[in-house]
Amino acid sequence: MMSASKEIGPHLCLVADVLHFNDGQGRVNYEVAKAVLAAGYRLTMVARVCAEDLAQHPQARWVATGNTKLPTQLARNLYFARKSAAWLRQHRGEFDVIQANGFVTWEPVDIVAVHFVHEAWLKNRFFPFQWGSLSPYQWYQRGLTIMNSRFERTAFTTAKQLIAVSRATAKEVEDLGIAASKLCVIYNGVDTSEFHPPTLATPCQRATFGLPEGVPLALFVGDIRTSRKNLEAILTALVSLPGVHLAVAGAVENSPYPEQARWLGLGSRVHFIGKTSRISTLMRSVDLFVMPSRYETFGMVVLEAMASALPVILSARVGAVEFVGDICRVVEDPDDTVGLTAAMRDLMADPAARARIGDAGRARALEVQWSRTSGAYLDLYDEFVAQKQKGTKV
């Protein structure tokens, strides 16, 4: 609800599916939006979902766009792209800077934030969806990825500036033929007041999630409907780790992993708690965090685990490794279940090592709070505004 009485500062338009603190990319958008409003910008958000505090801010306007009743993600994406483009064509003259997340609109924008590179995932040796499958779901997922990669390439090509969430992601974009001069890297951040170790005021709360007390407990957080996050590697490792339990935070509907856990005889040790907004509380209730993803441009949840003083085990395919790999246990190959088993066994058997690594992780997380991330975005916006005022082509 932007105030009509007074115009304050430059005008930024954010085009994204979600601007909300309970979503991965949405959290980045949310933190950036808060920062630009605090800096005196006016803000228009073209989005399907928007946090109430942003929507009600006197310097902000939410243009609600999207249709959640359409039957497939592809249909919803294309609907949003068409509606947002039509709106932008009518209003783009109002803005000093327009930023989008990946491909979300048919209309060219100034800046695109790159949180995922579909063509890189499509070419990844771990990409699971093949034309040879008889499964309609596999065909749909492969087709969706191909279409997203083509749309994405257009968005990257037409933008004036691209923000990659890691150096690895920037390299993937360059491999598409995009000039390196268009790219900058801005790492995601973390709220260290929300994510922190247990205290007297915020103790371990396993019972809240139905988790057992007095047992070593690892944590996995992520989408478990497909194999990209590689939960199966952790389940395989658990077979050789008697007594170790695993909490899995992720929507269970249409996931194959509850059945796989039962088939492996892990039904009593793997706890599927569903998708939860209480990740910070959950992290204060476990002993270590595991993320052996097969493809991950960054992995914001890694910083959240480190801020919670959890020791972290990652695969080398997680983008955050380039920033935090020196204080995490890194398994080079996501499918190296022997190496993953050894890393989990070593840490579970050594409380002192867990504490030492957890403290180092917390210290690193304190260096990358959201103020650093949003400040880098704001510097980029300021540069665009300054160049526009000078009449210089950005």
Protein backbone atom coordinates (compact mmCIF):
# COMPACT_ATOMS: atom_id res chain seq x y z
CA MET A 1 0.00 0.00 0.00
CA MET A 2 2.33 2.69 -1.27
CA SER A 3 1.76 6.17 0.11
CA ALA A 4 0.45 8.61 -2.49
CA SER A 5 1.32 11.70 -0.47
CA LYS A 6 5.06 11.56 -0.84
CA GLU A 7 7.45 9.76 -3.14
CA ILE A 8 10.62 8.67 -1.41
CA GLY A 9 13.78 7.58 -3.16
CA PRO A 10 14.33 5.44 -6.25
CA HIS A 11 11.69 2.94 -7.32
CA LEU A 12 12.54 -0.79 -7.46
CA CYS A 13 10.30 -3.49 -8.92
CA LEU A 14 10.87 -7.08 -7.72
CA VAL A 15 9.29 -9.79 -9.88
CA ALA A 16 9.24 -13.15 -8.10
CA ASP A 17 6.94 -16.00 -7.26
CA VAL A 18 7.32 -15.57 -3.49
CA LEU A 19 8.50 -12.84 -1.11
CA HIS A 20 8.24 -14.53 2.26
CA PHE A 21 10.57 -15.58 5.07
CA ASN A 22 9.39 -19.23 5.09
CA ASP A 23 10.69 -20.01 1.60
CA GLY A 24 14.23 -20.46 0.25
CA GLN A 25 14.36 -18.01 -2.65
CA GLY A 26 11.46 -16.18 -1.07
CA ARG A 27 13.58 -15.52 2.02
CA VAL A 28 16.27 -13.86 -0.09
CA ASN A 29 13.62 -11.69 -1.76
CA TYR A 30 12.11 -10.87 1.63
CA GLU A 31 15.41 -9.76 3.17
CA VAL A 32 16.34 -7.69 0.11
CA ALA A 33 12.90 -6.06 0.12
CA LYS A 34 13.24 -5.10 3.80
CA ALA A 35 16.67 -3.61 3.16
CA VAL A 36 15.66 -1.45 0.20
CA LEU A 37 12.63 -0.13 2.08
CA ALA A 38 14.85 0.73 5.04
CA ALA A 39 17.17 2.55 2.62
CA GLY A 40 14.32 4.78 1.44
CA TYR A 41 13.48 3.07 -1.84
CA ARG A 42 9.95 2.73 -3.06
CA LEU A 43 9.15 -0.90 -3.82
CA THR A 44 6.66 -2.64 -6.08
CA MET A 45 6.43 -6.42 -5.75
CA VAL A 46 4.90 -8.42 -8.59
CA ALA A 47 4.43 -11.76 -6.87
CA ARG A 48 2.07 -14.62 -6.15
CA VAL A 49 2.83 -14.65 -2.40
CA CYS A 50 3.95 -11.68 -0.32
CA ALA A 51 4.63 -11.37 3.41
CA GLU A 52 2.05 -9.18 5.12
CA ASP A 53 4.60 -6.79 6.63
CA LEU A 54 5.95 -6.04 3.15
CA ALA A 55 2.52 -5.73 1.56
CA GLN A 56 1.41 -3.26 4.25
CA HIS A 57 4.56 -1.12 4.21
CA PRO A 58 3.76 2.52 3.33
CA GLN A 59 6.54 2.64 0.70
CA ALA A 60 5.54 -0.66 -0.90
CA ARG A 61 2.93 -1.98 -3.30
CA TRP A 62 2.06 -5.63 -3.92
CA VAL A 63 0.72 -6.54 -7.35
CA ALA A 64 -0.80 -9.98 -6.70
CA THR A 65 -0.17 -12.18 -9.72
CA GLY A 66 -0.62 -15.92 -10.14
CA ASN A 67 -3.13 -18.72 -10.23
CA THR A 68 -2.66 -21.62 -7.83
CA LYS A 69 -5.70 -23.49 -9.20
CA LEU A 70 -4.01 -24.43 -12.48
CA PRO A 71 -3.24 -28.18 -12.61
CA THR A 72 0.56 -28.20 -13.16
CA GLN A 73 3.61 -26.19 -12.16
CA LEU A 74 4.33 -25.50 -15.83
CA ALA A 75 0.85 -24.03 -16.34
CA ARG A 76 1.21 -21.89 -13.21
CA ASN A 77 4.67 -20.66 -14.30
CA LEU A 78 3.47 -19.70 -17.78
CA TYR A 79 0.41 -17.95 -16.38
CA PHE A 80 2.59 -15.89 -14.04
CA ALA A 81 5.04 -15.09 -16.85
CA ARG A 82 2.26 -13.86 -19.13
CA LYS A 83 0.38 -11.82 -16.52
CA SER A 84 3.52 -10.23 -15.05
CA ALA A 85 4.81 -9.32 -18.52
CA ALA A 86 1.53 -7.65 -19.45
CA TRP A 87 1.61 -5.61 -16.24
CA LEU A 88 5.28 -4.65 -16.65
CA ARG A 89 4.75 -3.45 -20.22
CA GLN A 90 2.17 -0.98 -18.92
CA HIS A 91 4.15 0.19 -15.89
CA ARG A 92 7.88 -0.25 -16.53
CA GLY A 93 8.38 3.50 -17.02
CA GLU A 94 7.64 3.96 -13.30
CA PHE A 95 10.77 2.11 -12.18
CA ASP A 96 14.45 2.89 -11.85
CA VAL A 97 15.37 -0.81 -11.56
CA ILE A 98 13.48 -4.02 -12.33
CA GLN A 99 14.77 -7.32 -10.92
CA ALA A 100 13.44 -10.85 -11.43
CA ASN A 101 14.31 -14.30 -10.11
CA GLY A 102 15.44 -16.54 -12.95
CA PHE A 103 12.76 -16.89 -15.60
CA VAL A 104 9.49 -15.62 -14.14
CA THR A 105 8.31 -13.16 -16.78
CA TRP A 106 8.36 -12.78 -20.55
CA GLU A 107 9.25 -9.10 -20.22
CA PRO A 108 13.00 -8.25 -20.19
CA VAL A 109 14.29 -6.88 -16.88
CA ASP A 110 17.43 -5.10 -15.68
CA ILE A 111 18.70 -7.68 -13.20
CA VAL A 112 18.10 -11.41 -12.88
CA ALA A 113 19.04 -13.27 -9.69
CA VAL A 114 20.18 -16.80 -10.54
CA HIS A 115 19.20 -19.30 -7.85
CA PHE A 116 19.13 -22.34 -10.17
CA VAL A 117 20.43 -23.23 -13.64
CA HIS A 118 18.07 -25.76 -15.20
CA GLU A 119 20.35 -26.54 -18.14
CA ALA A 120 23.20 -27.39 -15.77
CA TRP A 121 20.91 -29.73 -13.83
CA LEU A 122 19.66 -31.27 -17.08
CA LYS A 123 23.25 -32.07 -18.13
CA ASN A 124 24.25 -33.28 -14.67
CA ARG A 125 25.15 -36.98 -14.58
CA PHE A 126 22.78 -37.39 -11.64
CA PHE A 127 19.74 -35.97 -13.48
CA PRO A 128 17.14 -38.72 -12.91
CA PHE A 129 14.38 -38.03 -15.44
CA GLN A 130 14.96 -39.82 -18.76
CA TRP A 131 12.90 -40.14 -21.94
CA GLY A 132 13.37 -43.91 -21.85
CA SER A 133 11.23 -44.21 -18.73
CA LEU A 134 7.65 -45.43 -19.05
CA SER A 135 6.59 -43.07 -16.26
CA PRO A 136 4.48 -40.06 -17.32
CA TYR A 137 5.84 -38.24 -14.27
CA GLN A 138 9.43 -38.73 -15.51
CA TRP A 139 8.49 -37.44 -18.95
CA TYR A 140 6.77 -34.41 -17.44
CA GLN A 141 9.73 -33.57 -15.18
CA ARG A 142 12.25 -33.87 -18.01
CA GLY A 143 10.08 -31.79 -20.34
CA LEU A 144 9.57 -29.17 -17.62
CA THR A 145 13.33 -28.93 -17.04
CA ILE A 146 14.01 -28.56 -20.78
CA MET A 147 11.42 -25.80 -21.14
CA ASN A 148 12.68 -24.00 -18.04
CA SER A 149 16.24 -24.14 -19.36
CA ARG A 150 15.20 -22.51 -22.65
CA PHE A 151 13.13 -19.81 -20.97
CA GLU A 152 15.95 -19.21 -18.48
CA ARG A 153 18.54 -18.75 -21.22
CA THR A 154 16.40 -15.98 -22.73
CA ALA A 155 16.04 -14.27 -19.34
CA PHE A 156 19.81 -14.45 -18.75
CA THR A 157 20.60 -13.14 -22.24
CA THR A 158 18.25 -10.15 -22.15
CA ALA A 159 19.12 -8.99 -18.61
CA LYS A 160 21.74 -6.29 -18.15
CA GLN A 161 23.13 -7.84 -14.95
CA LEU A 162 23.02 -11.31 -13.41
CA ILE A 163 23.46 -12.14 -9.72
CA ALA A 164 24.70 -15.69 -9.07
CA VAL A 165 24.42 -17.21 -5.58
CA SER A 166 27.83 -18.92 -5.85
CA ARG A 167 30.92 -18.95 -8.06
CA ALA A 168 29.93 -22.42 -9.26
CA THR A 169 26.56 -21.04 -10.37
CA ALA A 170 28.26 -18.15 -12.16
CA LYS A 171 30.42 -20.66 -14.05
CA GLU A 172 27.30 -22.61 -15.08
CA VAL A 173 25.80 -19.42 -16.48
CA GLU A 174 29.01 -18.60 -18.34
CA ASP A 175 28.89 -22.09 -19.86
CA LEU A 176 25.63 -21.04 -21.53
CA GLY A 177 27.57 -18.43 -23.48
CA ILE A 178 26.71 -15.52 -21.19
CA ALA A 179 29.48 -12.93 -20.82
CA ALA A 180 31.29 -13.05 -17.48
CA SER A 181 31.15 -9.24 -17.39
CA LYS A 182 27.37 -9.47 -16.81
CA LEU A 183 27.83 -11.62 -13.70
CA CYS A 184 28.47 -10.91 -10.05
CA VAL A 185 28.32 -13.28 -7.08
CA ILE A 186 26.32 -12.45 -3.95
CA TYR A 187 26.12 -15.21 -1.36
CA ASN A 188 22.92 -15.83 0.54
CA GLY A 189 22.79 -14.86 4.19
CA VAL A 190 21.39 -16.07 7.50
CA ASP A 191 19.58 -14.61 10.49
CA THR A 192 21.81 -15.53 13.43
CA SER A 193 19.26 -14.27 15.94
CA GLU A 194 16.72 -16.77 14.57
CA PHE A 195 19.19 -19.61 14.05
CA HIS A 196 21.38 -20.15 17.11
CA PRO A 197 22.44 -22.92 19.51
CA PRO A 198 20.14 -24.05 22.34
CA THR A 199 19.83 -21.70 25.31
CA LEU A 200 17.91 -21.81 28.58
CA ALA A 201 15.17 -19.78 26.90
CA THR A 202 15.20 -21.87 23.70
CA PRO A 203 16.26 -25.41 24.67
CA CYS A 204 16.29 -28.63 22.69
CA GLN A 205 12.65 -29.52 21.91
CA ARG A 206 12.63 -33.00 20.40
CA ALA A 207 9.25 -33.83 21.88
CA THR A 208 7.72 -30.97 19.89
CA PHE A 209 8.45 -32.91 16.70
CA GLY A 210 7.82 -36.38 18.11
CA LEU A 211 11.54 -37.17 18.08
CA PRO A 212 13.18 -39.59 20.53
CA GLU A 213 15.29 -38.36 23.42
CA GLY A 214 18.69 -39.75 24.32
CA VAL A 215 19.71 -40.99 20.87
CA PRO A 216 22.17 -39.57 18.32
CA LEU A 217 20.05 -37.64 15.82
CA ALA A 218 21.00 -36.30 12.38
CA LEU A 219 18.90 -33.88 10.33
CA PHE A 220 18.03 -33.65 6.64
CA VAL A 221 16.01 -30.70 5.28
CA GLY A 222 14.72 -30.43 1.72
CA ASP A 223 12.45 -31.62 -1.07
CA ILE A 224 12.04 -35.40 -0.86
CA ARG A 225 9.79 -35.85 -3.88
CA THR A 226 12.78 -36.32 -6.21
CA SER A 227 16.32 -37.66 -5.85
CA ARG A 228 18.21 -34.36 -6.32
CA LYS A 229 18.72 -33.79 -2.59
CA ASN A 230 19.94 -37.41 -2.30
CA LEU A 231 18.17 -38.58 0.83
CA GLU A 232 18.73 -42.17 -0.34
CA ALA A 233 22.46 -41.85 0.36
CA ILE A 234 21.75 -41.00 3.99
CA LEU A 235 19.28 -43.88 4.32
CA THR A 236 21.90 -46.26 2.91
CA ALA A 237 24.47 -44.91 5.38
CA LEU A 238 22.07 -45.42 8.30
CA VAL A 239 21.92 -49.15 7.60
CA SER A 240 25.56 -49.29 8.75
CA LEU A 241 25.02 -46.90 11.67
CA PRO A 242 22.92 -48.82 14.21
CA GLY A 243 21.48 -46.57 16.89
CA VAL A 244 21.71 -43.38 14.82
CA HIS A 245 18.36 -41.71 14.07
CA LEU A 246 17.45 -39.27 11.30
CA ALA A 247 14.87 -36.46 11.26
CA VAL A 248 13.63 -35.61 7.76
CA ALA A 249 11.97 -32.22 7.24
CA GLY A 250 10.19 -32.06 3.89
CA ALA A 251 6.73 -32.60 2.42
CA VAL A 252 6.03 -36.35 2.45
CA GLU A 253 3.22 -36.41 -0.12
CA ASN A 254 4.29 -38.29 -3.29
CA SER A 255 7.70 -39.07 -1.78
CA PRO A 256 9.19 -42.55 -2.29
CA TYR A 257 11.43 -42.31 0.76
CA PRO A 258 9.12 -43.40 3.60
CA GLU A 259 8.65 -46.70 1.78
CA GLN A 260 12.38 -46.97 1.08
CA ALA A 261 13.14 -46.41 4.77
CA ARG A 262 10.74 -49.21 5.71
CA TRP A 263 12.20 -51.51 3.06
CA LEU A 264 15.70 -50.91 4.49
CA GLY A 265 14.47 -51.75 7.99
CA LEU A 266 14.85 -48.16 9.18
CA GLY A 267 11.21 -47.45 9.95
CA SER A 268 11.85 -46.93 13.66
CA ARG A 269 14.94 -44.73 13.17
CA VAL A 270 13.90 -42.38 10.35
CA HIS A 271 11.37 -39.78 11.43
CA PHE A 272 9.48 -37.99 8.63
CA ILE A 273 8.12 -34.87 10.28
CA GLY A 274 6.79 -33.21 7.11
CA LYS A 275 7.35 -29.64 6.01
CA THR A 276 7.72 -27.26 8.93
CA SER A 277 8.26 -23.54 9.39
CA ARG A 278 10.05 -24.26 12.70
CA ILE A 279 13.40 -25.20 11.19
CA SER A 280 15.36 -23.13 13.70
CA THR A 281 13.73 -24.97 16.62
CA LEU A 282 14.34 -28.29 14.89
CA MET A 283 18.01 -27.49 14.38
CA ARG A 284 18.42 -26.83 18.09
CA SER A 285 17.13 -30.35 18.74
CA VAL A 286 19.58 -32.46 16.69
CA ASP A 287 23.27 -33.38 16.73
CA LEU A 288 24.40 -32.80 13.15
CA PHE A 289 23.18 -31.76 9.71
CA VAL A 290 23.63 -33.78 6.51
CA MET A 291 23.20 -32.55 2.93
CA PRO A 292 24.70 -34.86 0.26
CA SER A 293 22.89 -33.13 -2.62
CA ARG A 294 23.61 -34.06 -6.23
CA TYR A 295 23.01 -30.50 -7.43
CA GLU A 296 22.69 -27.40 -5.26
CA THR A 297 23.54 -23.89 -6.41
CA PHE A 298 24.07 -22.73 -2.82
CA GLY A 299 22.03 -24.31 -0.02
CA MET A 300 20.88 -21.58 2.36
CA VAL A 301 19.93 -24.23 4.90
CA VAL A 302 23.66 -24.95 5.28
CA LEU A 303 24.22 -21.48 6.74
CA GLU A 304 21.19 -21.96 8.98
CA ALA A 305 22.65 -25.20 10.34
CA MET A 306 26.03 -23.57 10.91
CA ALA A 307 24.43 -20.61 12.66
CA SER A 308 22.75 -23.18 14.92
CA ALA A 309 26.26 -24.50 15.77
CA LEU A 310 25.61 -27.85 14.10
CA PRO A 311 28.46 -29.76 12.48
CA VAL A 312 27.66 -30.09 8.79
CA ILE A 313 28.34 -32.86 6.26
CA LEU A 314 28.02 -31.84 2.61
CA SER A 315 28.67 -33.24 -0.82
CA ALA A 316 31.05 -31.32 -3.07
CA ARG A 317 28.06 -30.59 -5.34
CA VAL A 318 26.62 -28.09 -2.84
CA GLY A 319 27.47 -24.54 -3.90
CA ALA A 320 28.03 -23.39 -0.32
CA VAL A 321 31.10 -25.65 -0.15
CA GLU A 322 33.20 -22.96 -1.84
CA PHE A 323 32.46 -20.66 1.08
CA VAL A 324 32.25 -23.01 4.08
CA GLY A 325 33.98 -26.21 2.95
CA ASP A 326 37.00 -25.62 5.17
CA ILE A 327 34.90 -26.08 8.31
CA CYS A 328 32.50 -28.79 7.10
CA ARG A 329 33.00 -32.46 6.37
CA VAL A 330 32.86 -32.74 2.58
CA VAL A 331 32.17 -35.95 0.66
CA GLU A 332 33.41 -35.48 -2.91
CA ASP A 333 30.96 -37.84 -4.62
CA PRO A 334 27.31 -37.54 -3.53
CA ASP A 335 26.89 -41.29 -4.09
CA ASP A 336 29.91 -42.24 -1.96
CA THR A 337 27.85 -43.82 0.79
CA VAL A 338 30.99 -45.35 2.34
CA GLY A 339 32.51 -41.90 2.78
CA LEU A 340 29.22 -40.48 4.02
CA THR A 341 28.85 -43.32 6.53
CA ALA A 342 32.38 -42.72 7.83
CA ALA A 343 31.78 -38.98 8.22
CA MET A 344 28.54 -39.53 10.13
CA ARG A 345 30.09 -42.25 12.30
CA ASP A 346 33.13 -40.14 13.17
CA LEU A 347 31.09 -37.12 14.21
CA MET A 348 28.48 -39.06 16.15
CA ALA A 349 31.27 -40.77 18.11
CA ASP A 350 33.12 -37.55 18.97
CA PRO A 351 31.11 -34.92 20.91
CA ALA A 352 34.19 -32.72 21.27
CA ALA A 353 34.68 -32.61 17.49
CA ARG A 354 30.99 -31.81 17.01
CA ALA A 355 31.26 -28.92 19.45
CA ARG A 356 34.48 -27.61 17.89
CA ILE A 357 33.13 -27.75 14.32
CA GLY A 358 29.80 -26.33 15.46
CA ASP A 359 31.49 -23.34 17.11
CA ALA A 360 33.58 -22.69 13.99
CA GLY A 361 30.45 -22.86 11.86
CA ARG A 362 28.64 -20.41 14.10
CA ALA A 363 31.56 -17.98 13.82
CA ARG A 364 31.50 -18.23 10.01
CA ALA A 365 27.74 -17.70 9.92
CA LEU A 366 28.14 -14.50 11.93
CA GLU A 367 30.19 -13.15 9.01
CA VAL A 368 27.38 -13.63 6.47
CA GLN A 369 24.25 -12.25 8.08
CA TRP A 370 21.49 -10.91 5.87
CA SER A 371 22.75 -7.34 6.23
CA ARG A 372 25.80 -8.28 4.16
CA THR A 373 23.74 -9.95 1.43
CA SER A 374 21.07 -7.27 1.19
CA GLY A 375 23.75 -4.58 1.33
CA ALA A 376 25.40 -6.06 -1.77
CA TYR A 377 22.05 -6.08 -3.60
CA LEU A 378 21.44 -2.49 -2.53
CA ASP A 379 24.87 -1.40 -3.80
CA LEU A 380 23.99 -2.89 -7.19
CA TYR A 381 20.64 -1.10 -7.29
CA ASP A 382 22.31 2.18 -6.33
CA GLU A 383 24.77 1.73 -9.19
CA PHE A 384 21.92 1.22 -11.66
CA VAL A 385 20.12 4.30 -10.36
CA ALA A 386 23.27 6.42 -10.57
CA GLN A 387 23.98 5.30 -14.13
CA LYS A 388 20.39 5.99 -15.13
CA GLN A 389 20.53 9.48 -13.66
CA LYS A 390 23.71 10.14 -15.64
CA GLY A 391 22.05 8.84 -18.76
CA THR A 392 24.75 6.18 -19.08
CA LYS A 393 23.93 2.79 -20.55
CA VAL A 394 24.31 0.14 -17.84
